[in-house]
Amino acid sequence: MRKSRGFIEDFRRGTVNALEAGFDGVEIHGANGYLLDQFAKDGANKRSDAMADRSRTAQGLMLEVAKVVLRKQERSGPAYAYRR
């Protein structure tokens, strides 16, 4: 998961940038072929390294991204979730 730390940092930085720009919050898009979704898909995740285990990697990466984004949003105001 060492390389995934870069992805997590990118999400953290994106959250900080959005909040500093005046956005109320950010949405983590993890479906339809976007980055997080790719780790969970057989057709997209062709890795043979430590991040090849799709189930563990995808779940862990998604959870870490969610934690980082939520922590940053909580510091700037109340955290909330939008659900359809």
Protein backbone atom coordinates (compact mmCIF):
# COMPACT_ATOMS: atom_id res chain seq x y z
CA MET A 1 0.00 0.00 0.00
CA ARG A 2 3.06 2.30 -0.09
CA LYS A 3 2.24 3.67 -3.55
CA SER A 4 -1.37 4.16 -2.51
CA ARG A 5 -0.16 6.75 0.03
CA GLY A 6 0.38 9.05 -2.95
CA PHE A 7 -3.23 8.57 -4.03
CA ILE A 8 -4.45 9.22 -0.52
CA GLU A 9 -2.35 12.38 -0.30
CA ASP A 10 -3.84 13.54 -3.62
CA PHE A 11 -7.36 13.18 -2.21
CA ARG A 12 -6.32 14.98 0.98
CA ARG A 13 -4.78 17.83 -0.98
CA GLY A 14 -7.80 18.03 -3.26
CA THR A 15 -10.06 18.33 -0.24
CA VAL A 16 -7.92 21.08 1.26
CA ASN A 17 -7.86 22.95 -2.06
CA ALA A 18 -11.65 22.71 -2.44
CA LEU A 19 -12.31 23.92 1.09
CA GLU A 20 -9.82 26.77 0.76
CA ALA A 21 -11.55 27.77 -2.48
CA GLY A 22 -14.84 28.09 -0.60
CA PHE A 23 -16.56 24.80 -1.41
CA ASP A 24 -18.79 23.39 1.34
CA GLY A 25 -17.34 19.91 0.95
CA VAL A 26 -16.19 17.31 -1.52
CA GLU A 27 -17.65 14.15 -2.97
CA ILE A 28 -15.57 11.02 -3.34
CA HIS A 29 -16.47 9.46 -6.66
CA GLY A 30 -15.71 5.74 -6.49
CA ALA A 31 -17.75 4.25 -9.34
CA ASN A 32 -18.00 4.04 -13.11
CA GLY A 33 -14.31 3.58 -13.84
CA TYR A 34 -12.89 6.39 -11.75
CA LEU A 35 -9.61 5.79 -9.89
CA LEU A 36 -10.96 4.09 -6.75
CA ASP A 37 -13.31 1.91 -8.80
CA GLN A 38 -10.43 0.72 -10.97
CA PHE A 39 -8.77 -1.02 -8.03
CA ALA A 40 -11.89 -3.16 -7.52
CA LYS A 41 -12.38 -4.20 -11.17
CA ASP A 42 -10.88 -7.30 -12.75
CA GLY A 43 -10.74 -5.58 -16.13
CA ALA A 44 -8.84 -2.54 -14.87
CA ASN A 45 -6.65 -3.87 -12.06
CA LYS A 46 -3.98 -5.92 -13.84
CA ARG A 47 -1.36 -5.32 -11.17
CA SER A 48 0.97 -8.06 -9.96
CA ASP A 49 2.45 -6.17 -7.01
CA ALA A 50 1.20 -5.75 -3.44
CA MET A 51 -1.82 -3.82 -4.73
CA ALA A 52 -2.97 -6.71 -6.91
CA ASP A 53 -5.36 -8.17 -4.30
CA ARG A 54 -8.44 -6.33 -5.51
CA SER A 55 -10.70 -6.95 -2.55
CA ARG A 56 -8.21 -5.92 0.16
CA THR A 57 -6.63 -3.09 -1.78
CA ALA A 58 -9.86 -1.52 -2.98
CA GLN A 59 -11.54 -1.68 0.43
CA GLY A 60 -8.49 -0.38 2.26
CA LEU A 61 -7.83 2.38 -0.23
CA MET A 62 -11.46 3.54 -0.26
CA LEU A 63 -11.61 3.53 3.53
CA GLU A 64 -8.35 5.49 3.89
CA VAL A 65 -9.48 8.08 1.33
CA ALA A 66 -12.83 8.46 3.12
CA LYS A 67 -11.09 8.92 6.49
CA VAL A 68 -8.69 11.55 5.16
CA VAL A 69 -11.41 13.51 3.37
CA LEU A 70 -13.75 13.37 6.37
CA ARG A 71 -11.00 14.52 8.76
CA LYS A 72 -10.26 17.54 6.58
CA GLN A 73 -13.93 18.42 6.17
CA GLU A 74 -14.61 18.08 9.90
CA ARG A 75 -11.95 20.67 10.63
CA SER A 76 -13.67 23.19 8.40
CA GLY A 77 -17.20 22.69 9.67
CA PRO A 78 -19.85 20.06 10.29
CA ALA A 79 -19.41 16.83 8.38
CA TYR A 80 -22.38 15.55 6.47
CA ALA A 81 -23.11 12.88 3.92
CA TYR A 82 -25.20 13.34 0.83
CA ARG A 83 -27.25 10.32 -0.14
CA ARG A 84 -29.57 9.87 -3.06
